[in-house]
PDB file of N, CA and C in Angstrom:
ATOM      1  N   MET A   1       0.471  -6.743 -10.218  1.00  0.00           N
ATOM      2  CA  MET A   1       0.097  -6.290  -9.093  1.00  0.00           C
ATOM      3  C   MET A   1      -0.877  -7.239  -8.241  1.00  0.00           C
ATOM      4  N   ASP A   2      -1.402  -8.238  -9.102  1.00  0.00           N
ATOM      5  CA  ASP A   2      -2.059  -9.383  -8.276  1.00  0.00           C
ATOM      6  C   ASP A   2      -1.236 -10.125  -7.472  1.00  0.00           C
ATOM      7  N   HIS A   3       0.045 -10.331  -7.828  1.00  0.00           N
ATOM      8  CA  HIS A   3       0.895 -11.082  -6.891  1.00  0.00           C
ATOM      9  C   HIS A   3       1.100 -10.464  -5.505  1.00  0.00           C
ATOM     10  N   LEU A   4       0.856  -9.141  -5.317  1.00  0.00           N
ATOM     11  CA  LEU A   4       0.770  -8.471  -4.157  1.00  0.00           C
ATOM     12  C   LEU A   4      -0.391  -8.720  -3.107  1.00  0.00           C
ATOM     13  N   ARG A   5      -1.458  -9.374  -3.746  1.00  0.00           N
ATOM     14  CA  ARG A   5      -2.551  -9.613  -3.086  1.00  0.00           C
ATOM     15  C   ARG A   5      -2.490 -11.019  -2.190  1.00  0.00           C
ATOM     16  N   LEU A   6      -1.384 -11.535  -2.349  1.00  0.00           N
ATOM     17  CA  LEU A   6      -0.987 -12.980  -1.714  1.00  0.00           C
ATOM     18  C   LEU A   6       0.088 -12.719  -0.907  1.00  0.00           C
ATOM     19  N   PRO A   7      -0.081 -13.120   0.527  1.00  0.00           N
ATOM     20  CA  PRO A   7      -1.086 -13.918   1.107  1.00  0.00           C
ATOM     21  C   PRO A   7      -2.411 -12.738   1.505  1.00  0.00           C
ATOM     22  N   PRO A   8      -3.532 -13.228   1.374  1.00  0.00           N
ATOM     23  CA  PRO A   8      -4.629 -12.322   1.622  1.00  0.00           C
ATOM     24  C   PRO A   8      -4.513 -11.398   2.909  1.00  0.00           C
ATOM     25  N   SER A   9      -3.821 -11.532   3.860  1.00  0.00           N
ATOM     26  CA  SER A   9      -3.548 -10.865   5.274  1.00  0.00           C
ATOM     27  C   SER A   9      -2.864  -9.516   4.728  1.00  0.00           C
ATOM     28  N   ASN A  10      -2.093  -9.680   3.323  1.00  0.00           N
ATOM     29  CA  ASN A  10      -1.325  -8.353   2.931  1.00  0.00           C
ATOM     30  C   ASN A  10      -2.719  -7.193   2.845  1.00  0.00           C
ATOM     31  N   ARG A  11      -3.808  -7.475   2.507  1.00  0.00           N
ATOM     32  CA  ARG A  11      -4.869  -6.519   2.427  1.00  0.00           C
ATOM     33  C   ARG A  11      -4.538  -5.397   1.622  1.00  0.00           C
ATOM     34  N   LEU A  12      -3.980  -5.575   0.470  1.00  0.00           N
ATOM     35  CA  LEU A  12      -3.791  -4.584  -0.704  1.00  0.00           C
ATOM     36  C   LEU A  12      -4.950  -3.953  -0.856  1.00  0.00           C
ATOM     37  N   GLU A  13      -4.754  -2.566  -0.785  1.00  0.00           N
ATOM     38  CA  GLU A  13      -5.864  -1.532  -1.138  1.00  0.00           C
ATOM     39  C   GLU A  13      -5.449  -0.663  -2.053  1.00  0.00           C
ATOM     40  N   ALA A  14      -6.227  -0.034  -2.909  1.00  0.00           N
ATOM     41  CA  ALA A  14      -6.208   1.090  -3.673  1.00  0.00           C
ATOM     42  C   ALA A  14      -6.554   2.209  -2.853  1.00  0.00           C
ATOM     43  N   LEU A  15      -5.806   3.251  -2.711  1.00  0.00           N
ATOM     44  CA  LEU A  15      -6.167   4.619  -1.918  1.00  0.00           C
ATOM     45  C   LEU A  15      -6.969   5.623  -2.644  1.00  0.00           C
ATOM     46  N   THR A  16      -7.607   6.548  -2.034  1.00  0.00           N
ATOM     47  CA  THR A  16      -8.521   7.479  -2.733  1.00  0.00           C
ATOM     48  C   THR A  16      -8.049   8.910  -2.429  1.00  0.00           C
ATOM     49  N   HIS A  17      -8.827   9.848  -2.717  1.00  0.00           N
ATOM     50  CA  HIS A  17      -8.700  11.361  -2.109  1.00  0.00           C
ATOM     51  C   HIS A  17      -7.189  11.733  -2.571  1.00  0.00           C
ATOM     52  N   ASP A  18      -6.656  12.327  -1.634  1.00  0.00           N
ATOM     53  CA  ASP A  18      -5.170  12.922  -1.727  1.00  0.00           C
ATOM     54  C   ASP A  18      -4.339  11.948  -2.021  1.00  0.00           C
ATOM     55  N   ARG A  19      -4.634  10.668  -1.873  1.00  0.00           N
ATOM     56  CA  ARG A  19      -3.575   9.589  -2.145  1.00  0.00           C
ATOM     57  C   ARG A  19      -4.249   8.637  -3.361  1.00  0.00           C
ATOM     58  N   LYS A  20      -4.756   9.171  -4.184  1.00  0.00           N
ATOM     59  CA  LYS A  20      -5.305   8.446  -5.359  1.00  0.00           C
ATOM     60  C   LYS A  20      -4.173   8.073  -6.280  1.00  0.00           C
ATOM     61  N   GLY A  21      -4.122   6.795  -6.685  1.00  0.00           N
ATOM     62  CA  GLY A  21      -3.031   6.573  -7.549  1.00  0.00           C
ATOM     63  C   GLY A  21      -1.902   5.720  -6.673  1.00  0.00           C
ATOM     64  N   GLN A  22      -2.072   5.609  -5.341  1.00  0.00           N
ATOM     65  CA  GLN A  22      -1.159   5.049  -4.466  1.00  0.00           C
ATOM     66  C   GLN A  22      -2.013   3.859  -3.996  1.00  0.00           C
ATOM     67  N   TRP A  23      -1.312   2.698  -3.514  1.00  0.00           N
ATOM     68  CA  TRP A  23      -1.826   1.579  -2.893  1.00  0.00           C
ATOM     69  C   TRP A  23      -1.142   1.385  -1.574  1.00  0.00           C
ATOM     70  N   ARG A  24      -1.667   0.669  -0.637  1.00  0.00           N
ATOM     71  CA  ARG A  24      -1.283   0.220   0.542  1.00  0.00           C
ATOM     72  C   ARG A  24      -1.318  -1.241   0.863  1.00  0.00           C
ATOM     73  N   ILE A  25      -0.448  -1.673   1.625  1.00  0.00           N
ATOM     74  CA  ILE A  25      -0.254  -3.214   2.088  1.00  0.00           C
ATOM     75  C   ILE A  25      -0.092  -3.192   3.841  1.00  0.00           C
ATOM     76  N   ARG A  26      -0.805  -3.913   4.437  1.00  0.00           N
ATOM     77  CA  ARG A  26      -0.733  -3.956   5.757  1.00  0.00           C
ATOM     78  C   ARG A  26       0.527  -4.632   6.142  1.00  0.00           C
ATOM     79  N   ILE A  27       0.989  -3.836   7.247  1.00  0.00           N
ATOM     80  CA  ILE A  27       2.324  -4.685   8.047  1.00  0.00           C
ATOM     81  C   ILE A  27       1.746  -5.085   9.366  1.00  0.00           C
ATOM     82  N   ASN A  28       0.763  -4.307  10.029  1.00  0.00           N
ATOM     83  CA  ASN A  28       0.358  -5.022  11.345  1.00  0.00           C
ATOM     84  C   ASN A  28      -0.952  -4.177  11.420  1.00  0.00           C
ATOM     85  N   ASP A  29      -1.528  -4.422  12.515  1.00  0.00           N
ATOM     86  CA  ASP A  29      -2.699  -3.524  13.106  1.00  0.00           C
ATOM     87  C   ASP A  29      -2.459  -2.045  13.006  1.00  0.00           C
ATOM     88  N   GLN A  30      -1.375  -1.451  13.050  1.00  0.00           N
ATOM     89  CA  GLN A  30      -1.062  -0.127  13.278  1.00  0.00           C
ATOM     90  C   GLN A  30      -0.261   0.582  12.073  1.00  0.00           C
ATOM     91  N   TRP A  31       0.454  -0.296  11.481  1.00  0.00           N
ATOM     92  CA  TRP A  31       1.382   0.291  10.102  1.00  0.00           C
ATOM     93  C   TRP A  31       1.029  -0.187   8.826  1.00  0.00           C
ATOM     94  N   ARG A  32       1.214   0.772   7.735  1.00  0.00           N
ATOM     95  CA  ARG A  32       0.791   0.160   6.435  1.00  0.00           C
ATOM     96  C   ARG A  32       1.966   0.692   5.637  1.00  0.00           C
ATOM     97  N   ILE A  33       2.516   0.204   4.577  1.00  0.00           N
ATOM     98  CA  ILE A  33       3.434   0.486   3.624  1.00  0.00           C
ATOM     99  C   ILE A  33       2.600   1.154   2.353  1.00  0.00           C
ATOM    100  N   CYS A  34       2.739   2.282   1.974  1.00  0.00           N
ATOM    101  CA  CYS A  34       2.089   3.123   0.951  1.00  0.00           C
ATOM    102  C   CYS A  34       3.113   3.233  -0.308  1.00  0.00           C
ATOM    103  N   PHE A  35       2.509   3.269  -1.494  1.00  0.00           N
ATOM    104  CA  PHE A  35       3.256   3.118  -2.439  1.00  0.00           C
ATOM    105  C   PHE A  35       2.635   3.515  -3.938  1.00  0.00           C
ATOM    106  N   ARG A  36       3.456   3.866  -4.847  1.00  0.00           N
ATOM    107  CA  ARG A  36       2.777   3.971  -6.267  1.00  0.00           C
ATOM    108  C   ARG A  36       3.546   3.001  -6.972  1.00  0.00           C
ATOM    109  N   PHE A  37       2.880   2.298  -8.078  1.00  0.00           N
ATOM    110  CA  PHE A  37       3.360   1.217  -8.794  1.00  0.00           C
ATOM    111  C   PHE A  37       3.142   1.671 -10.135  1.00  0.00           C
ATOM    112  N   GLU A  38       4.370   1.622 -10.989  1.00  0.00           N
ATOM    113  CA  GLU A  38       4.609   1.939 -12.239  1.00  0.00           C
ATOM    114  C   GLU A  38       5.606   1.100 -13.017  1.00  0.00           C
ATOM    115  N   ASN A  39       4.931   0.435 -14.142  1.00  0.00           N
ATOM    116  CA  ASN A  39       5.968  -0.383 -14.894  1.00  0.00           C
ATOM    117  C   ASN A  39       6.711  -1.288 -14.206  1.00  0.00           C
ATOM    118  N   GLY A  40       5.965  -1.889 -13.240  1.00  0.00           N
ATOM    119  CA  GLY A  40       6.484  -2.938 -12.356  1.00  0.00           C
ATOM    120  C   GLY A  40       7.336  -2.601 -11.301  1.00  0.00           C
ATOM    121  N   ASP A  41       7.463  -1.404 -10.870  1.00  0.00           N
ATOM    122  CA  ASP A  41       8.426  -0.697  -9.791  1.00  0.00           C
ATOM    123  C   ASP A  41       7.714   0.072  -8.969  1.00  0.00           C
ATOM    124  N   ALA A  42       8.034  -0.083  -7.778  1.00  0.00           N
ATOM    125  CA  ALA A  42       7.394   0.680  -6.699  1.00  0.00           C
ATOM    126  C   ALA A  42       8.224   1.972  -6.387  1.00  0.00           C
ATOM    127  N   PHE A  43       7.338   3.161  -6.152  1.00  0.00           N
ATOM    128  CA  PHE A  43       7.903   4.532  -6.037  1.00  0.00           C
ATOM    129  C   PHE A  43       7.272   5.184  -4.966  1.00  0.00           C
ATOM    130  N   ASP A  44       7.859   6.132  -4.439  1.00  0.00           N
ATOM    131  CA  ASP A  44       7.287   6.969  -3.205  1.00  0.00           C
ATOM    132  C   ASP A  44       7.072   5.938  -2.043  1.00  0.00           C
ATOM    133  N   VAL A  45       7.751   4.885  -1.754  1.00  0.00           N
ATOM    134  CA  VAL A  45       7.368   4.170  -0.651  1.00  0.00           C
ATOM    135  C   VAL A  45       7.533   4.810   0.793  1.00  0.00           C
ATOM    136  N   GLU A  46       6.617   4.519   1.564  1.00  0.00           N
ATOM    137  CA  GLU A  46       6.659   5.077   2.898  1.00  0.00           C
ATOM    138  C   GLU A  46       5.859   4.191   3.875  1.00  0.00           C
ATOM    139  N   ILE A  47       6.246   4.195   5.081  1.00  0.00           N
ATOM    140  CA  ILE A  47       5.602   3.464   6.224  1.00  0.00           C
ATOM    141  C   ILE A  47       4.873   4.381   6.857  1.00  0.00           C
ATOM    142  N   VAL A  48       3.501   4.191   7.128  1.00  0.00           N
ATOM    143  CA  VAL A  48       2.580   5.129   7.633  1.00  0.00           C
ATOM    144  C   VAL A  48       1.880   4.457   8.713  1.00  0.00           C
ATOM    145  N   GLY A  49       1.692   5.297   9.624  1.00  0.00           N
ATOM    146  CA  GLY A  49       0.913   4.892  11.229  1.00  0.00           C
ATOM    147  C   GLY A  49      -0.454   5.305  10.667  1.00  0.00           C
ATOM    148  N   LEU A  50      -1.391   4.523  11.255  1.00  0.00           N
ATOM    149  CA  LEU A  50      -2.723   4.804  11.009  1.00  0.00           C
ATOM    150  C   LEU A  50      -3.421   5.912  11.933  1.00  0.00           C
ATOM    151  N   ASN A  51      -2.478   6.530  12.926  1.00  0.00           N
ATOM    152  CA  ASN A  51      -2.837   7.440  13.834  1.00  0.00           C
ATOM    153  C   ASN A  51      -2.161   8.849  13.456  1.00  0.00           C
ATOM    154  N   THR A  52      -1.466   8.799  12.196  1.00  0.00           N
ATOM    155  CA  THR A  52      -0.765  10.071  11.539  1.00  0.00           C
ATOM    156  C   THR A  52      -1.479  10.679  10.681  1.00  0.00           C
TER     157      THR A  52
END
């Protein structure tokens, strides 16, 4: 998972509450990629707008 922290502008973050167990990476100011990570693979990948 550490390789996803580079470059720092990815802003990899663990999510909480109803999205606990998911992570997100910044695409730009408005959009994020959210996903679960298991055994080296990404699952339930979605692009999410901050205003949705």
